[in-house]
Amino acid sequence: MIYITRRERFNAAHRLFREDYSDEKNLEVFGQCSNPNWHGHNYELFVTVKGTISKETGFLVNLKDLSSIIKEKVIRKIDHKNINLEVDFMQGKYASTENLTVSIFEELKNAVAKLGAELHAVKIYESENNYVEYFG
């Protein structure tokens, strides 16, 4: 079993809040991330796949193909967008990095399988100090 990781980047805005909370309560619970005028991050996305090296190519997967899938299924939908309002796979979910990571995993899982690999993990750096990793 071998693992390979592809990194992609995107920029997006979001707001952490509950509609049933007052602005004061949202500020208390979510801090600056509850800014009613949104805030943004320069995200780094790491997608790790696993499987067996092909005897024919020497690859687990062609990284160009993996990059294309990530761009089609995720980056084009989220880059320079508002996660709360514009990203289809985040509709009805709180726009936390935790939920974002799980949702991206679900978006990629089947497409990665068609490449002949298994999606192992999705990791998202929201900032240099914070990241979330999900293994399905």
N, C-alpha and C. Protein backbone atom coordinates (compact mmCIF):
# COMPACT_ATOMS: atom_id res chain seq x y z
N MET A 1 0.85 -1.18 0.00
CA MET A 1 0.00 0.00 0.00
C MET A 1 0.90 1.24 0.00
N ILE A 2 0.60 2.15 -0.92
CA ILE A 2 1.34 3.40 -1.00
C ILE A 2 0.35 4.56 -0.92
N TYR A 3 0.83 5.67 -0.41
CA TYR A 3 0.00 6.87 -0.26
C TYR A 3 0.65 8.00 -1.05
N ILE A 4 -0.19 8.81 -1.68
CA ILE A 4 0.32 9.99 -2.38
C ILE A 4 -0.65 11.14 -2.12
N THR A 5 -0.08 12.34 -1.96
CA THR A 5 -0.89 13.51 -1.60
C THR A 5 -0.71 14.60 -2.64
N ARG A 6 -1.84 15.21 -3.00
CA ARG A 6 -1.85 16.37 -3.90
C ARG A 6 -2.32 17.58 -3.10
N ARG A 7 -1.60 18.70 -3.26
CA ARG A 7 -1.99 19.95 -2.60
C ARG A 7 -2.61 20.87 -3.63
N GLU A 8 -3.70 21.51 -3.26
CA GLU A 8 -4.33 22.57 -4.03
C GLU A 8 -4.62 23.71 -3.07
N ARG A 9 -4.85 24.89 -3.62
CA ARG A 9 -5.15 26.06 -2.79
C ARG A 9 -6.42 26.73 -3.27
N PHE A 10 -7.13 27.37 -2.33
CA PHE A 10 -8.28 28.19 -2.71
C PHE A 10 -8.48 29.26 -1.65
N ASN A 11 -9.17 30.31 -2.06
CA ASN A 11 -9.52 31.41 -1.17
C ASN A 11 -11.04 31.46 -1.08
N ALA A 12 -11.55 31.63 0.13
CA ALA A 12 -13.00 31.67 0.28
C ALA A 12 -13.37 32.42 1.55
N ALA A 13 -14.58 32.93 1.54
CA ALA A 13 -15.13 33.63 2.69
C ALA A 13 -16.18 32.75 3.36
N HIS A 14 -16.39 32.99 4.64
CA HIS A 14 -17.47 32.30 5.35
C HIS A 14 -17.80 33.06 6.63
N ARG A 15 -18.84 32.62 7.26
CA ARG A 15 -19.22 33.17 8.57
C ARG A 15 -19.72 32.02 9.42
N LEU A 16 -19.21 31.94 10.63
CA LEU A 16 -19.71 30.98 11.60
C LEU A 16 -20.75 31.67 12.47
N PHE A 17 -21.96 31.19 12.41
CA PHE A 17 -23.03 31.80 13.20
C PHE A 17 -24.24 30.87 13.22
N ARG A 18 -25.09 31.11 14.17
CA ARG A 18 -26.39 30.44 14.23
C ARG A 18 -27.45 31.52 14.13
N GLU A 19 -28.42 31.31 13.28
CA GLU A 19 -29.48 32.29 13.10
C GLU A 19 -30.31 32.46 14.37
N ASP A 20 -30.38 31.42 15.19
CA ASP A 20 -31.18 31.50 16.41
C ASP A 20 -30.42 32.16 17.56
N TYR A 21 -29.16 32.56 17.34
CA TYR A 21 -28.39 33.29 18.34
C TYR A 21 -28.43 34.79 18.01
N SER A 22 -28.34 35.59 19.05
CA SER A 22 -28.16 37.03 18.84
C SER A 22 -26.74 37.28 18.34
N ASP A 23 -26.48 38.50 17.83
CA ASP A 23 -25.12 38.84 17.41
C ASP A 23 -24.15 38.70 18.59
N GLU A 24 -24.61 39.07 19.78
CA GLU A 24 -23.75 38.98 20.96
C GLU A 24 -23.41 37.53 21.29
N LYS A 25 -24.41 36.66 21.23
CA LYS A 25 -24.19 35.24 21.51
C LYS A 25 -23.28 34.61 20.45
N ASN A 26 -23.49 34.97 19.16
CA ASN A 26 -22.61 34.47 18.10
C ASN A 26 -21.18 34.92 18.34
N LEU A 27 -20.99 36.16 18.74
CA LEU A 27 -19.65 36.67 19.02
C LEU A 27 -19.02 35.91 20.19
N GLU A 28 -19.82 35.63 21.21
CA GLU A 28 -19.32 34.88 22.37
C GLU A 28 -18.89 33.47 21.97
N VAL A 29 -19.67 32.80 21.14
CA VAL A 29 -19.41 31.41 20.77
C VAL A 29 -18.36 31.29 19.66
N PHE A 30 -18.50 32.11 18.62
CA PHE A 30 -17.67 31.96 17.42
C PHE A 30 -16.61 33.04 17.26
N GLY A 31 -16.57 34.01 18.15
CA GLY A 31 -15.56 35.06 18.10
C GLY A 31 -15.63 35.85 16.80
N GLN A 32 -14.46 36.27 16.33
CA GLN A 32 -14.38 37.08 15.11
C GLN A 32 -14.91 36.35 13.88
N CYS A 33 -14.98 35.05 13.96
CA CYS A 33 -15.49 34.26 12.82
C CYS A 33 -16.99 34.46 12.61
N SER A 34 -17.65 35.15 13.54
CA SER A 34 -19.08 35.42 13.39
C SER A 34 -19.34 36.81 12.81
N ASN A 35 -18.32 37.47 12.31
CA ASN A 35 -18.47 38.80 11.73
C ASN A 35 -19.62 38.81 10.72
N PRO A 36 -20.65 39.64 10.93
CA PRO A 36 -21.79 39.68 10.01
C PRO A 36 -21.39 40.05 8.57
N ASN A 37 -20.23 40.64 8.39
CA ASN A 37 -19.76 41.01 7.06
C ASN A 37 -18.78 39.98 6.48
N TRP A 38 -18.76 38.78 7.08
CA TRP A 38 -17.96 37.66 6.61
C TRP A 38 -16.46 37.87 6.88
N HIS A 39 -15.69 36.86 6.66
CA HIS A 39 -14.23 36.93 6.71
C HIS A 39 -13.71 35.80 5.83
N GLY A 40 -12.44 35.87 5.46
CA GLY A 40 -11.93 34.89 4.52
C GLY A 40 -10.63 34.26 4.95
N HIS A 41 -10.27 33.21 4.23
CA HIS A 41 -9.04 32.47 4.47
C HIS A 41 -8.38 32.12 3.15
N ASN A 42 -7.08 31.94 3.20
CA ASN A 42 -6.31 31.36 2.11
C ASN A 42 -6.09 29.91 2.50
N TYR A 43 -6.95 29.04 2.02
CA TYR A 43 -6.94 27.63 2.42
C TYR A 43 -5.91 26.83 1.62
N GLU A 44 -5.37 25.81 2.27
CA GLU A 44 -4.56 24.80 1.59
C GLU A 44 -5.28 23.47 1.78
N LEU A 45 -5.50 22.78 0.67
CA LEU A 45 -6.22 21.51 0.65
C LEU A 45 -5.24 20.40 0.28
N PHE A 46 -5.17 19.37 1.11
CA PHE A 46 -4.32 18.21 0.84
C PHE A 46 -5.22 16.99 0.69
N VAL A 47 -5.11 16.32 -0.44
CA VAL A 47 -5.90 15.13 -0.72
C VAL A 47 -4.95 13.95 -0.84
N THR A 48 -5.12 12.97 0.04
CA THR A 48 -4.25 11.79 0.06
C THR A 48 -5.04 10.58 -0.41
N VAL A 49 -4.46 9.88 -1.40
CA VAL A 49 -5.07 8.66 -1.90
C VAL A 49 -4.11 7.50 -1.62
N LYS A 50 -4.68 6.30 -1.61
CA LYS A 50 -3.85 5.12 -1.32
C LYS A 50 -4.22 3.99 -2.27
N GLY A 51 -3.28 3.08 -2.41
CA GLY A 51 -3.52 1.92 -3.25
C GLY A 51 -2.22 1.24 -3.62
N THR A 52 -2.24 0.59 -4.78
CA THR A 52 -1.12 -0.20 -5.25
C THR A 52 -0.50 0.47 -6.47
N ILE A 53 0.78 0.42 -6.56
CA ILE A 53 1.49 1.00 -7.71
C ILE A 53 1.22 0.13 -8.93
N SER A 54 0.87 0.79 -10.03
CA SER A 54 0.64 0.11 -11.29
C SER A 54 1.97 -0.40 -11.86
N LYS A 55 2.00 -1.68 -12.25
CA LYS A 55 3.21 -2.22 -12.88
C LYS A 55 3.42 -1.60 -14.26
N GLU A 56 2.33 -1.19 -14.88
CA GLU A 56 2.39 -0.62 -16.22
C GLU A 56 2.97 0.79 -16.23
N THR A 57 2.56 1.64 -15.24
CA THR A 57 2.98 3.06 -15.25
C THR A 57 3.97 3.42 -14.17
N GLY A 58 4.01 2.63 -13.10
CA GLY A 58 4.83 3.00 -11.95
C GLY A 58 4.14 4.01 -11.04
N PHE A 59 2.90 4.36 -11.36
CA PHE A 59 2.12 5.33 -10.57
C PHE A 59 1.09 4.62 -9.71
N LEU A 60 0.69 5.25 -8.64
CA LEU A 60 -0.56 4.89 -7.97
C LEU A 60 -1.70 5.49 -8.79
N VAL A 61 -1.63 6.79 -9.02
CA VAL A 61 -2.55 7.50 -9.92
C VAL A 61 -1.74 8.54 -10.67
N ASN A 62 -2.25 8.96 -11.79
CA ASN A 62 -1.64 10.07 -12.50
C ASN A 62 -2.02 11.34 -11.75
N LEU A 63 -1.05 12.08 -11.26
CA LEU A 63 -1.34 13.28 -10.46
C LEU A 63 -2.05 14.36 -11.26
N LYS A 64 -1.86 14.38 -12.57
CA LYS A 64 -2.64 15.32 -13.40
C LYS A 64 -4.12 14.99 -13.31
N ASP A 65 -4.45 13.70 -13.35
CA ASP A 65 -5.85 13.29 -13.25
C ASP A 65 -6.43 13.61 -11.87
N LEU A 66 -5.64 13.36 -10.83
CA LEU A 66 -6.11 13.68 -9.48
C LEU A 66 -6.33 15.18 -9.33
N SER A 67 -5.41 15.98 -9.83
CA SER A 67 -5.55 17.42 -9.78
C SER A 67 -6.80 17.88 -10.53
N SER A 68 -7.05 17.30 -11.68
CA SER A 68 -8.23 17.68 -12.47
C SER A 68 -9.52 17.37 -11.71
N ILE A 69 -9.57 16.23 -11.05
CA ILE A 69 -10.76 15.87 -10.26
C ILE A 69 -10.96 16.85 -9.12
N ILE A 70 -9.90 17.17 -8.40
CA ILE A 70 -9.99 18.11 -7.28
C ILE A 70 -10.47 19.47 -7.79
N LYS A 71 -9.92 19.92 -8.89
CA LYS A 71 -10.33 21.22 -9.44
C LYS A 71 -11.78 21.21 -9.89
N GLU A 72 -12.20 20.14 -10.55
CA GLU A 72 -13.58 20.06 -11.04
C GLU A 72 -14.59 19.95 -9.90
N LYS A 73 -14.32 19.07 -8.95
CA LYS A 73 -15.29 18.77 -7.89
C LYS A 73 -15.28 19.76 -6.73
N VAL A 74 -14.14 20.48 -6.55
CA VAL A 74 -14.01 21.33 -5.37
C VAL A 74 -13.58 22.75 -5.73
N ILE A 75 -12.41 22.92 -6.29
CA ILE A 75 -11.81 24.25 -6.44
C ILE A 75 -12.69 25.17 -7.28
N ARG A 76 -13.20 24.70 -8.40
CA ARG A 76 -14.05 25.56 -9.24
C ARG A 76 -15.32 25.99 -8.53
N LYS A 77 -15.77 25.18 -7.60
CA LYS A 77 -17.00 25.49 -6.87
C LYS A 77 -16.77 26.42 -5.69
N ILE A 78 -15.55 26.48 -5.16
CA ILE A 78 -15.33 27.17 -3.89
C ILE A 78 -14.37 28.35 -3.96
N ASP A 79 -13.45 28.34 -4.93
CA ASP A 79 -12.42 29.38 -4.97
C ASP A 79 -13.04 30.76 -5.21
N HIS A 80 -12.69 31.70 -4.33
CA HIS A 80 -13.20 33.07 -4.38
C HIS A 80 -14.72 33.13 -4.27
N LYS A 81 -15.27 32.25 -3.44
CA LYS A 81 -16.71 32.20 -3.22
C LYS A 81 -17.00 32.36 -1.73
N ASN A 82 -18.27 32.56 -1.44
CA ASN A 82 -18.77 32.59 -0.07
C ASN A 82 -19.28 31.18 0.24
N ILE A 83 -18.63 30.50 1.16
CA ILE A 83 -18.96 29.11 1.48
C ILE A 83 -20.40 28.98 1.96
N ASN A 84 -20.87 29.92 2.75
CA ASN A 84 -22.23 29.87 3.27
C ASN A 84 -23.28 29.98 2.17
N LEU A 85 -23.01 30.80 1.16
CA LEU A 85 -24.04 31.15 0.19
C LEU A 85 -23.88 30.52 -1.19
N GLU A 86 -22.66 30.24 -1.61
CA GLU A 86 -22.44 29.89 -3.01
C GLU A 86 -21.96 28.48 -3.29
N VAL A 87 -21.61 27.71 -2.28
CA VAL A 87 -20.99 26.40 -2.50
C VAL A 87 -22.05 25.32 -2.33
N ASP A 88 -22.37 24.64 -3.45
CA ASP A 88 -23.49 23.69 -3.43
C ASP A 88 -23.33 22.58 -2.39
N PHE A 89 -22.14 22.04 -2.24
CA PHE A 89 -21.98 20.91 -1.32
C PHE A 89 -21.93 21.34 0.15
N MET A 90 -22.03 22.65 0.41
CA MET A 90 -22.07 23.14 1.80
C MET A 90 -23.46 23.66 2.19
N GLN A 91 -24.40 23.60 1.30
CA GLN A 91 -25.74 24.10 1.59
C GLN A 91 -26.37 23.35 2.76
N GLY A 92 -26.94 24.10 3.70
CA GLY A 92 -27.59 23.51 4.87
C GLY A 92 -26.64 23.05 5.96
N LYS A 93 -25.35 23.39 5.82
CA LYS A 93 -24.35 22.98 6.82
C LYS A 93 -23.69 24.23 7.40
N TYR A 94 -23.26 24.14 8.65
CA TYR A 94 -22.44 25.21 9.21
C TYR A 94 -21.11 25.23 8.48
N ALA A 95 -20.63 26.41 8.16
CA ALA A 95 -19.44 26.56 7.31
C ALA A 95 -18.14 26.47 8.11
N SER A 96 -18.07 25.52 9.02
CA SER A 96 -16.84 25.29 9.77
C SER A 96 -15.85 24.53 8.90
N THR A 97 -14.59 24.62 9.24
CA THR A 97 -13.58 23.88 8.50
C THR A 97 -13.78 22.38 8.69
N GLU A 98 -14.30 21.98 9.84
CA GLU A 98 -14.59 20.57 10.08
C GLU A 98 -15.62 20.06 9.06
N ASN A 99 -16.74 20.78 8.94
CA ASN A 99 -17.78 20.37 7.99
C ASN A 99 -17.28 20.47 6.55
N LEU A 100 -16.49 21.47 6.26
CA LEU A 100 -15.93 21.63 4.92
C LEU A 100 -15.05 20.44 4.55
N THR A 101 -14.23 20.00 5.48
CA THR A 101 -13.32 18.87 5.23
C THR A 101 -14.10 17.59 4.95
N VAL A 102 -15.10 17.31 5.75
CA VAL A 102 -15.93 16.12 5.54
C VAL A 102 -16.66 16.21 4.20
N SER A 103 -17.19 17.37 3.88
CA SER A 103 -17.93 17.54 2.63
C SER A 103 -17.04 17.37 1.41
N ILE A 104 -15.82 17.89 1.48
CA ILE A 104 -14.88 17.71 0.36
C ILE A 104 -14.53 16.23 0.20
N PHE A 105 -14.32 15.53 1.30
CA PHE A 105 -14.06 14.09 1.24
C PHE A 105 -15.18 13.40 0.47
N GLU A 106 -16.42 13.72 0.83
CA GLU A 106 -17.57 13.09 0.18
C GLU A 106 -17.65 13.46 -1.30
N GLU A 107 -17.29 14.69 -1.65
CA GLU A 107 -17.28 15.12 -3.05
C GLU A 107 -16.27 14.34 -3.88
N LEU A 108 -15.16 13.96 -3.29
CA LEU A 108 -14.06 13.35 -4.03
C LEU A 108 -14.04 11.82 -4.03
N LYS A 109 -14.68 11.21 -3.06
CA LYS A 109 -14.54 9.78 -2.82
C LYS A 109 -14.80 8.93 -4.08
N ASN A 110 -15.92 9.10 -4.73
CA ASN A 110 -16.27 8.26 -5.88
C ASN A 110 -15.38 8.54 -7.08
N ALA A 111 -15.04 9.80 -7.30
CA ALA A 111 -14.19 10.15 -8.44
C ALA A 111 -12.79 9.56 -8.28
N VAL A 112 -12.27 9.56 -7.06
CA VAL A 112 -10.96 8.96 -6.81
C VAL A 112 -11.01 7.46 -7.05
N ALA A 113 -12.10 6.82 -6.66
CA ALA A 113 -12.25 5.38 -6.88
C ALA A 113 -12.19 5.05 -8.37
N LYS A 114 -12.73 5.92 -9.21
CA LYS A 114 -12.70 5.69 -10.66
C LYS A 114 -11.28 5.76 -11.22
N LEU A 115 -10.37 6.38 -10.47
CA LEU A 115 -8.96 6.40 -10.87
C LEU A 115 -8.24 5.10 -10.48
N GLY A 116 -8.92 4.26 -9.71
CA GLY A 116 -8.31 3.02 -9.27
C GLY A 116 -7.59 3.13 -7.94
N ALA A 117 -7.93 4.16 -7.17
CA ALA A 117 -7.32 4.36 -5.85
C ALA A 117 -8.43 4.54 -4.82
N GLU A 118 -8.03 4.61 -3.57
CA GLU A 118 -8.98 4.86 -2.49
C GLU A 118 -8.63 6.20 -1.84
N LEU A 119 -9.65 7.00 -1.60
CA LEU A 119 -9.41 8.26 -0.90
C LEU A 119 -9.09 7.94 0.56
N HIS A 120 -7.92 8.36 1.00
CA HIS A 120 -7.46 8.07 2.36
C HIS A 120 -7.80 9.20 3.31
N ALA A 121 -7.50 10.45 2.91
CA ALA A 121 -7.69 11.58 3.82
C ALA A 121 -7.81 12.88 3.05
N VAL A 122 -8.52 13.80 3.67
CA VAL A 122 -8.57 15.19 3.22
C VAL A 122 -8.13 16.03 4.41
N LYS A 123 -7.17 16.91 4.16
CA LYS A 123 -6.68 17.82 5.19
C LYS A 123 -6.81 19.24 4.66
N ILE A 124 -7.33 20.13 5.49
CA ILE A 124 -7.46 21.53 5.11
C ILE A 124 -6.79 22.41 6.16
N TYR A 125 -5.82 23.20 5.71
CA TYR A 125 -5.25 24.24 6.55
C TYR A 125 -6.07 25.50 6.34
N GLU A 126 -6.70 25.95 7.42
CA GLU A 126 -7.46 27.20 7.40
C GLU A 126 -6.51 28.38 7.63
N SER A 127 -5.50 28.14 8.43
CA SER A 127 -4.47 29.13 8.72
C SER A 127 -3.18 28.36 9.01
N GLU A 128 -2.11 29.07 9.22
CA GLU A 128 -0.85 28.38 9.51
C GLU A 128 -0.91 27.65 10.85
N ASN A 129 -1.85 28.02 11.71
CA ASN A 129 -1.95 27.40 13.03
C ASN A 129 -3.05 26.36 13.15
N ASN A 130 -4.00 26.32 12.21
CA ASN A 130 -5.16 25.45 12.35
C ASN A 130 -5.38 24.60 11.11
N TYR A 131 -5.56 23.30 11.32
CA TYR A 131 -5.97 22.44 10.21
C TYR A 131 -6.88 21.36 10.72
N VAL A 132 -7.66 20.81 9.79
CA VAL A 132 -8.57 19.71 10.07
C VAL A 132 -8.23 18.58 9.11
N GLU A 133 -8.24 17.35 9.61
CA GLU A 133 -7.97 16.19 8.79
C GLU A 133 -9.08 15.17 8.99
N TYR A 134 -9.57 14.60 7.87
CA TYR A 134 -10.67 13.65 7.93
C TYR A 134 -10.30 12.41 7.12
N PHE A 135 -10.56 11.23 7.72
CA PHE A 135 -10.20 9.96 7.11
C PHE A 135 -11.42 9.15 6.67
N GLY A 136 -12.58 9.78 6.63
CA GLY A 136 -13.77 9.04 6.18
C GLY A 136 -14.26 8.12 7.24
